N, C-alpha and C. Protein backbone atom coordinates (compact mmCIF):
# COMPACT_ATOMS: atom_id res chain seq x y z
N UNK A 1 -49.20 49.22 5.76
CA UNK A 1 -49.21 49.72 4.54
C UNK A 1 -49.65 48.31 3.34
N UNK A 2 -50.74 47.93 2.62
CA UNK A 2 -50.60 46.74 1.88
C UNK A 2 -50.61 47.60 0.15
N UNK A 3 -49.68 47.58 -0.40
CA UNK A 3 -49.24 48.25 -1.76
C UNK A 3 -49.39 47.19 -2.82
N UNK A 4 -50.36 47.50 -3.75
CA UNK A 4 -51.02 46.53 -4.58
C UNK A 4 -50.25 47.13 -5.96
N UNK A 5 -49.61 46.75 -6.58
CA UNK A 5 -49.06 47.20 -7.99
C UNK A 5 -50.22 46.65 -9.11
N UNK A 6 -50.93 47.71 -9.63
CA UNK A 6 -51.51 47.58 -10.77
C UNK A 6 -50.77 46.96 -12.29
N UNK A 7 -49.81 47.81 -11.98
CA UNK A 7 -48.75 47.84 -13.27
C UNK A 7 -47.58 48.85 -12.79
N UNK A 8 -46.60 48.89 -13.92
CA UNK A 8 -45.27 49.75 -13.58
C UNK A 8 -45.59 51.22 -13.22
N UNK A 9 -46.90 51.74 -13.65
CA UNK A 9 -47.01 53.26 -13.56
C UNK A 9 -47.92 53.70 -12.34
N UNK A 10 -48.59 52.49 -11.62
CA UNK A 10 -49.58 52.66 -10.72
C UNK A 10 -49.72 51.52 -9.66
N UNK A 11 -49.79 52.03 -8.48
CA UNK A 11 -50.01 51.02 -7.33
C UNK A 11 -51.15 51.78 -6.59
N UNK A 12 -51.91 51.12 -5.90
CA UNK A 12 -53.02 51.43 -5.05
C UNK A 12 -52.68 50.67 -3.47
N UNK A 13 -53.38 51.46 -2.59
CA UNK A 13 -53.35 50.75 -1.38
C UNK A 13 -54.49 51.38 -0.56
N UNK A 14 -54.91 51.05 0.73
CA UNK A 14 -55.69 51.66 1.65
C UNK A 14 -55.24 52.75 2.33
N UNK A 15 -56.15 52.92 3.20
CA UNK A 15 -55.53 54.61 3.93
C UNK A 15 -54.25 54.48 4.29
N UNK A 16 -53.38 55.34 4.45
CA UNK A 16 -52.16 56.07 4.40
C UNK A 16 -51.97 56.90 5.93
N UNK A 17 -50.98 56.82 6.36
CA UNK A 17 -50.85 58.03 7.51
C UNK A 17 -49.49 58.63 7.05
N UNK A 18 -49.28 60.03 7.69
CA UNK A 18 -48.12 60.91 7.36
C UNK A 18 -46.84 59.69 7.21
N UNK A 19 -46.51 59.25 8.21
CA UNK A 19 -45.59 58.38 8.66
C UNK A 19 -45.04 57.41 7.39
N UNK A 20 -46.22 56.97 6.90
CA UNK A 20 -46.15 56.02 5.62
C UNK A 20 -45.43 56.85 4.61
N UNK A 21 -45.06 57.91 4.34
CA UNK A 21 -44.60 58.55 3.33
C UNK A 21 -43.06 58.19 2.91
N UNK A 22 -42.28 58.12 3.91
CA UNK A 22 -40.97 58.00 3.66
C UNK A 22 -40.83 56.46 3.05
N UNK A 23 -41.60 55.41 3.50
CA UNK A 23 -41.80 54.08 2.95
C UNK A 23 -42.11 54.14 1.36
N UNK A 24 -42.85 54.94 0.89
CA UNK A 24 -43.79 55.30 -0.28
C UNK A 24 -42.64 56.12 -0.82
N UNK A 25 -41.87 57.22 -0.58
CA UNK A 25 -40.59 57.65 -1.53
C UNK A 25 -39.73 56.63 -1.83
N UNK A 26 -39.23 55.56 -0.45
CA UNK A 26 -37.96 54.47 -0.76
C UNK A 26 -38.72 53.82 -1.49
N UNK A 27 -39.64 53.31 -2.11
CA UNK A 27 -40.71 52.55 -2.95
C UNK A 27 -40.42 52.92 -4.44
N UNK A 28 -39.92 54.28 -4.34
CA UNK A 28 -39.71 54.71 -5.80
C UNK A 28 -40.93 55.52 -6.30
N UNK A 29 -42.00 55.88 -5.92
CA UNK A 29 -43.03 56.41 -6.26
C UNK A 29 -42.73 57.71 -6.24
N UNK A 30 -43.43 58.90 -7.04
CA UNK A 30 -42.89 60.09 -7.26
C UNK A 30 -43.97 61.14 -7.11
N UNK A 31 -44.94 60.65 -7.03
CA UNK A 31 -46.35 61.22 -6.73
C UNK A 31 -47.46 60.27 -5.88
N UNK A 32 -48.14 60.87 -4.99
CA UNK A 32 -49.14 60.31 -4.11
C UNK A 32 -50.64 60.87 -4.51
N UNK A 33 -51.58 60.30 -4.89
CA UNK A 33 -52.94 60.98 -5.37
C UNK A 33 -53.89 60.23 -3.95
N UNK A 34 -54.48 60.86 -3.31
CA UNK A 34 -55.51 60.66 -2.40
C UNK A 34 -56.89 60.92 -2.79
N UNK A 35 -57.32 59.55 -2.86
CA UNK A 35 -59.16 59.58 -3.49
C UNK A 35 -59.91 59.54 -2.36
N UNK A 36 -59.75 59.66 -1.05
CA UNK A 36 -60.45 59.66 0.20
C UNK A 36 -60.84 61.02 0.32
N UNK A 37 -62.15 61.34 0.70
CA UNK A 37 -62.41 62.53 1.09
C UNK A 37 -62.02 62.68 2.90
N UNK A 38 -61.69 63.98 3.05
CA UNK A 38 -61.32 63.99 4.61
C UNK A 38 -62.70 63.78 5.33
N UNK A 39 -62.29 63.09 6.66
CA UNK A 39 -63.50 63.18 7.66
C UNK A 39 -64.44 62.10 7.28
N UNK A 40 -63.99 60.70 6.40
CA UNK A 40 -64.74 59.69 6.25
C UNK A 40 -65.12 59.11 7.69
N UNK A 41 -63.92 59.04 8.37
CA UNK A 41 -64.02 57.97 9.39
C UNK A 41 -63.29 58.74 10.84
N UNK A 42 -63.90 58.96 11.69
CA UNK A 42 -62.92 59.37 12.90
C UNK A 42 -61.36 59.14 13.38
N UNK A 43 -61.01 57.83 12.86
CA UNK A 43 -59.63 57.76 13.06
C UNK A 43 -59.01 57.94 11.61
N UNK A 44 -59.29 58.50 10.68
CA UNK A 44 -58.72 58.71 9.34
C UNK A 44 -57.84 60.15 9.77
N UNK A 45 -56.27 59.97 9.20
CA UNK A 45 -55.66 61.06 9.48
C UNK A 45 -56.26 62.26 8.48
N UNK A 46 -55.65 63.49 8.90
CA UNK A 46 -56.19 64.53 8.16
C UNK A 46 -55.32 64.40 6.96
N UNK A 47 -55.99 64.96 5.65
CA UNK A 47 -55.46 65.01 4.46
C UNK A 47 -54.26 65.86 4.45
N UNK A 48 -54.38 67.50 5.23
CA UNK A 48 -53.39 67.93 5.40
C UNK A 48 -52.27 67.71 5.68
N UNK A 49 -52.15 66.74 6.61
CA UNK A 49 -50.89 66.11 7.10
C UNK A 49 -50.37 65.04 6.32
N UNK A 50 -50.93 64.56 5.74
CA UNK A 50 -50.52 63.68 4.91
C UNK A 50 -49.87 64.35 3.53
N UNK A 51 -50.37 65.66 3.11
CA UNK A 51 -50.13 66.36 2.05
C UNK A 51 -48.73 66.83 2.51
N UNK A 52 -48.75 67.22 3.58
CA UNK A 52 -47.44 68.30 4.22
C UNK A 52 -46.27 66.91 4.18
N UNK A 53 -46.51 65.90 4.71
CA UNK A 53 -45.49 64.85 4.78
C UNK A 53 -44.93 64.43 3.22
N UNK A 54 -46.12 64.27 2.50
CA UNK A 54 -45.27 64.08 0.74
C UNK A 54 -44.57 65.36 0.27
N UNK A 55 -45.18 66.35 0.52
CA UNK A 55 -44.58 67.54 -0.05
C UNK A 55 -42.96 67.73 0.31
N UNK A 56 -43.10 67.54 1.87
CA UNK A 56 -41.52 67.61 2.58
C UNK A 56 -40.64 66.53 1.95
N UNK A 57 -41.32 65.41 1.39
CA UNK A 57 -40.42 64.63 1.00
C UNK A 57 -40.04 64.55 -0.24
N UNK A 58 -40.51 65.69 -1.15
CA UNK A 58 -40.57 65.95 -2.48
C UNK A 58 -41.50 65.35 -3.48
N UNK A 59 -42.31 64.52 -3.02
CA UNK A 59 -43.45 64.10 -3.50
C UNK A 59 -44.47 65.07 -4.14
N UNK A 60 -44.95 64.75 -5.48
CA UNK A 60 -46.11 65.35 -5.76
C UNK A 60 -47.43 64.68 -5.09
N UNK A 61 -48.20 65.85 -4.63
CA UNK A 61 -49.34 65.16 -4.06
C UNK A 61 -50.86 65.81 -4.45
N UNK A 62 -51.71 64.85 -4.77
CA UNK A 62 -52.91 65.54 -5.52
C UNK A 62 -54.06 64.71 -4.71
N UNK A 63 -54.99 65.58 -4.43
CA UNK A 63 -56.29 65.50 -4.28
C UNK A 63 -57.31 65.05 -5.07
N UNK A 64 -57.74 63.87 -5.05
CA UNK A 64 -59.02 63.75 -6.23
C UNK A 64 -60.10 62.66 -5.47
N UNK A 65 -60.90 63.42 -4.39
CA UNK A 65 -61.70 62.83 -3.25
C UNK A 65 -62.83 62.28 -4.36
N UNK A 66 -63.14 61.08 -3.85
CA UNK A 66 -63.96 60.49 -4.34
C UNK A 66 -65.18 60.10 -3.49
N UNK A 67 -66.28 60.74 -3.21
CA UNK A 67 -67.13 60.43 -2.13
C UNK A 67 -68.35 59.73 -2.68
N UNK A 68 -69.40 59.81 -1.75
CA UNK A 68 -70.62 58.95 -2.25
C UNK A 68 -71.37 59.71 -3.24
N UNK A 69 -71.05 60.75 -3.66
CA UNK A 69 -71.74 61.36 -5.30
C UNK A 69 -71.03 60.48 -6.48
N UNK A 70 -70.03 59.47 -5.95
CA UNK A 70 -69.28 58.75 -7.17
C UNK A 70 -68.29 59.30 -8.04
N UNK A 71 -68.40 58.89 -9.24
CA UNK A 71 -67.26 59.38 -9.87
C UNK A 71 -67.63 60.28 -11.00
N UNK A 72 -66.70 61.53 -11.47
CA UNK A 72 -67.10 62.40 -12.41
C UNK A 72 -66.18 62.26 -13.18
N UNK A 73 -66.45 62.77 -14.76
CA UNK A 73 -65.69 63.21 -15.62
C UNK A 73 -64.58 63.90 -15.54
N UNK A 74 -64.55 64.97 -14.36
CA UNK A 74 -63.47 65.68 -13.85
C UNK A 74 -62.41 64.99 -12.80
N UNK A 75 -63.06 63.87 -12.26
CA UNK A 75 -61.77 62.98 -11.57
C UNK A 75 -61.18 62.22 -12.54
N UNK A 76 -61.77 61.28 -13.52
CA UNK A 76 -61.39 60.89 -14.28
C UNK A 76 -60.30 61.65 -15.24
N UNK A 77 -60.46 62.85 -15.42
CA UNK A 77 -59.15 63.59 -16.51
C UNK A 77 -58.42 63.99 -15.42
N UNK A 78 -58.82 64.20 -14.51
CA UNK A 78 -57.62 64.58 -13.28
C UNK A 78 -56.71 63.31 -13.05
N UNK A 79 -57.16 62.21 -12.85
CA UNK A 79 -56.33 61.14 -13.02
C UNK A 79 -55.24 60.64 -14.01
N UNK A 80 -56.49 60.90 -15.15
CA UNK A 80 -55.62 60.37 -16.47
C UNK A 80 -53.93 61.74 -16.26
N UNK A 81 -54.43 62.79 -16.12
CA UNK A 81 -53.46 64.05 -16.15
C UNK A 81 -52.18 63.74 -15.30
N UNK A 82 -52.67 63.49 -14.11
CA UNK A 82 -51.75 63.08 -12.80
C UNK A 82 -50.79 61.87 -13.73
N UNK A 83 -51.30 60.79 -13.99
CA UNK A 83 -50.62 59.72 -14.48
C UNK A 83 -49.87 59.96 -15.99
N UNK A 84 -50.45 60.83 -16.85
CA UNK A 84 -49.66 60.83 -17.91
C UNK A 84 -48.65 61.76 -17.91
N UNK A 85 -48.56 62.71 -16.87
CA UNK A 85 -47.57 63.50 -16.34
C UNK A 85 -46.58 63.60 -15.46
N UNK A 86 -46.64 62.18 -14.60
CA UNK A 86 -45.78 61.64 -13.86
C UNK A 86 -44.34 61.37 -14.40
N UNK A 87 -43.27 61.45 -13.67
CA UNK A 87 -41.95 61.38 -13.91
C UNK A 87 -41.70 59.79 -13.30
N UNK A 88 -42.66 58.89 -13.10
CA UNK A 88 -42.18 57.82 -12.73
C UNK A 88 -43.65 57.34 -12.04
N UNK A 89 -43.73 56.19 -11.21
CA UNK A 89 -44.63 55.63 -10.46
C UNK A 89 -45.47 56.33 -9.63
N UNK A 90 -46.88 56.28 -9.66
CA UNK A 90 -47.78 57.00 -8.84
C UNK A 90 -48.39 56.11 -7.68
N UNK A 91 -48.60 56.53 -6.48
CA UNK A 91 -49.02 56.02 -5.67
C UNK A 91 -50.51 56.52 -5.13
N UNK A 92 -51.56 55.40 -5.40
CA UNK A 92 -53.02 56.23 -5.09
C UNK A 92 -53.41 55.35 -3.68
N UNK A 93 -54.04 56.28 -3.20
CA UNK A 93 -54.84 55.64 -2.02
C UNK A 93 -56.15 56.19 -1.76
N UNK A 94 -57.07 55.29 -1.20
CA UNK A 94 -58.28 55.43 -0.31
C UNK A 94 -58.60 54.95 0.82
N UNK A 95 -59.79 54.43 1.19
CA UNK A 95 -60.04 53.59 2.31
C UNK A 95 -59.38 52.16 2.09
N UNK A 96 -59.91 51.32 0.90
CA UNK A 96 -59.36 50.20 0.87
C UNK A 96 -58.34 50.17 -0.29
N UNK A 97 -58.35 51.08 -1.40
CA UNK A 97 -57.84 50.88 -2.36
C UNK A 97 -58.77 50.56 -3.57
N UNK A 98 -59.99 50.53 -3.67
CA UNK A 98 -61.10 50.17 -4.56
C UNK A 98 -61.58 51.48 -5.34
N UNK A 99 -61.89 52.76 -4.93
CA UNK A 99 -61.93 53.67 -5.37
C UNK A 99 -60.66 54.34 -6.14
N UNK A 100 -59.63 53.88 -5.78
CA UNK A 100 -58.18 54.28 -6.62
C UNK A 100 -58.14 53.38 -7.69
N UNK A 101 -58.40 52.14 -7.94
CA UNK A 101 -58.46 51.35 -8.68
C UNK A 101 -59.63 51.48 -9.62
N UNK A 102 -60.73 52.05 -9.35
CA UNK A 102 -61.72 52.39 -10.33
C UNK A 102 -61.43 53.83 -11.21
N UNK A 103 -61.18 54.69 -10.55
CA UNK A 103 -60.45 56.19 -11.10
C UNK A 103 -59.47 55.74 -12.19
N UNK A 104 -58.39 54.70 -11.73
CA UNK A 104 -57.21 54.28 -12.55
C UNK A 104 -57.87 53.66 -13.67
N UNK A 105 -58.66 52.98 -14.11
CA UNK A 105 -59.22 52.14 -14.79
C UNK A 105 -60.00 52.87 -15.63
N UNK A 106 -61.07 53.71 -14.88
CA UNK A 106 -61.62 54.73 -16.03
C UNK A 106 -60.73 55.67 -16.70
N UNK A 107 -59.80 55.91 -16.16
CA UNK A 107 -58.92 57.04 -16.86
C UNK A 107 -58.26 56.43 -17.99
N UNK A 108 -57.94 54.95 -17.92
CA UNK A 108 -57.54 54.36 -18.91
C UNK A 108 -58.13 53.85 -20.23
N UNK A 109 -59.69 53.98 -19.95
CA UNK A 109 -60.58 53.43 -21.05
C UNK A 109 -60.17 54.27 -22.13
N UNK A 110 -60.17 53.52 -23.20
CA UNK A 110 -59.73 53.99 -24.73
C UNK A 110 -58.42 53.75 -24.78
N UNK A 111 -57.45 53.69 -23.71
CA UNK A 111 -55.91 53.70 -23.87
C UNK A 111 -55.30 52.38 -23.82
N UNK A 112 -56.38 51.50 -23.15
CA UNK A 112 -55.87 50.31 -22.89
C UNK A 112 -56.97 49.20 -23.18
N UNK A 113 -56.66 47.91 -23.67
CA UNK A 113 -57.88 47.37 -24.01
C UNK A 113 -58.73 47.08 -22.54
N UNK A 114 -59.88 47.03 -22.43
CA UNK A 114 -60.79 46.69 -21.46
C UNK A 114 -60.60 45.72 -20.88
N UNK A 115 -59.90 44.34 -21.36
CA UNK A 115 -59.70 43.05 -20.72
C UNK A 115 -58.55 43.31 -20.08
N UNK A 116 -57.27 43.94 -20.78
CA UNK A 116 -56.26 44.02 -19.80
C UNK A 116 -56.31 45.08 -18.74
N UNK A 117 -57.13 46.21 -18.99
CA UNK A 117 -57.57 46.85 -17.58
C UNK A 117 -58.05 46.12 -16.68
N UNK A 118 -58.91 45.19 -16.95
CA UNK A 118 -59.62 44.42 -15.89
C UNK A 118 -58.63 43.42 -15.24
N UNK A 119 -58.01 42.98 -16.34
CA UNK A 119 -56.86 41.80 -15.65
C UNK A 119 -56.01 42.91 -14.75
N UNK A 120 -55.17 43.93 -15.10
CA UNK A 120 -54.32 44.26 -13.97
C UNK A 120 -55.19 44.70 -12.94
N UNK A 121 -56.22 44.96 -12.67
CA UNK A 121 -56.90 45.21 -11.66
C UNK A 121 -57.14 44.05 -10.71
N UNK A 122 -57.70 43.07 -11.53
CA UNK A 122 -57.70 41.54 -10.68
C UNK A 122 -56.34 41.18 -10.16
N UNK A 123 -55.14 41.40 -11.05
CA UNK A 123 -53.95 40.85 -10.23
C UNK A 123 -53.30 41.44 -9.09
N UNK A 124 -54.29 43.03 -8.81
CA UNK A 124 -53.82 43.27 -7.90
C UNK A 124 -54.64 43.26 -6.30
N UNK A 125 -55.64 42.46 -6.88
CA UNK A 125 -56.84 42.00 -5.93
C UNK A 125 -58.35 42.69 -6.10
N UNK A 126 -58.41 43.60 -7.16
CA UNK A 126 -59.55 43.97 -7.37
C UNK A 126 -60.37 43.38 -8.61
N UNK A 127 -61.69 43.26 -8.14
CA UNK A 127 -62.55 42.78 -9.35
C UNK A 127 -63.49 44.31 -9.82
N UNK A 128 -62.97 44.61 -11.19
CA UNK A 128 -63.58 45.89 -11.66
C UNK A 128 -64.33 45.49 -12.96
N UNK A 129 -64.55 44.27 -12.99
CA UNK A 129 -65.33 43.53 -13.99
C UNK A 129 -66.74 44.12 -14.52
N UNK A 130 -67.18 44.69 -13.42
CA UNK A 130 -68.64 45.43 -13.65
C UNK A 130 -68.58 47.07 -14.44
N UNK A 131 -67.14 47.12 -14.30
CA UNK A 131 -66.92 48.49 -15.52
C UNK A 131 -66.74 48.14 -16.85
N UNK A 132 -66.80 46.98 -17.27
CA UNK A 132 -66.44 46.49 -18.53
C UNK A 132 -67.18 47.37 -19.60
N UNK A 133 -68.49 47.55 -19.56
CA UNK A 133 -69.15 48.31 -20.50
C UNK A 133 -68.38 49.66 -20.64
N UNK A 134 -67.48 50.09 -19.67
CA UNK A 134 -67.19 51.88 -19.66
C UNK A 134 -65.87 51.90 -20.10
N UNK A 135 -65.06 50.54 -20.63
CA UNK A 135 -63.52 50.80 -20.44
C UNK A 135 -63.22 50.69 -22.34
N UNK A 136 -64.24 50.59 -23.20
CA UNK A 136 -63.74 50.67 -24.48
C UNK A 136 -63.71 51.99 -25.18
N UNK A 137 -63.89 52.72 -24.38
CA UNK A 137 -63.79 54.41 -24.99
C UNK A 137 -63.44 55.28 -24.01
N UNK A 138 -62.59 56.10 -24.57
CA UNK A 138 -62.34 57.55 -23.21
C UNK A 138 -63.77 58.06 -22.86
N UNK A 139 -63.42 58.15 -21.56
CA UNK A 139 -64.40 58.99 -20.97
C UNK A 139 -63.83 60.25 -20.26
N UNK A 140 -64.64 61.28 -20.51
CA UNK A 140 -64.15 62.75 -20.21
C UNK A 140 -63.21 63.33 -21.34
């Protein structure tokens, strides 16, 4: 599992498995957000299994799957809500971390400077500069 810290409030990674949850909790995360739809790949662990492991570990677990239809205002609002209401750092995952980073960035639009958002993502290894025009004002 390759955890990439965007800032003190959120980190992202690619696909996780139920057995990764203990390490996520030990790393200090209080919530897990799944941004990957079930069934994208045949070897992908079932969302229900990851959710059960997270809840058994005492972590908040939220599904905000982003599929081929792309981002919606509801996904951005849900992401913002999770981040704003968490009592500690949030761990988000998808196939590679890109969708999680995108949703985080769009949820921060208007709250942080667009340059800061892009820089934080870049330090974590994600180029979201193509979103620059969408990061100046709140979305949703």
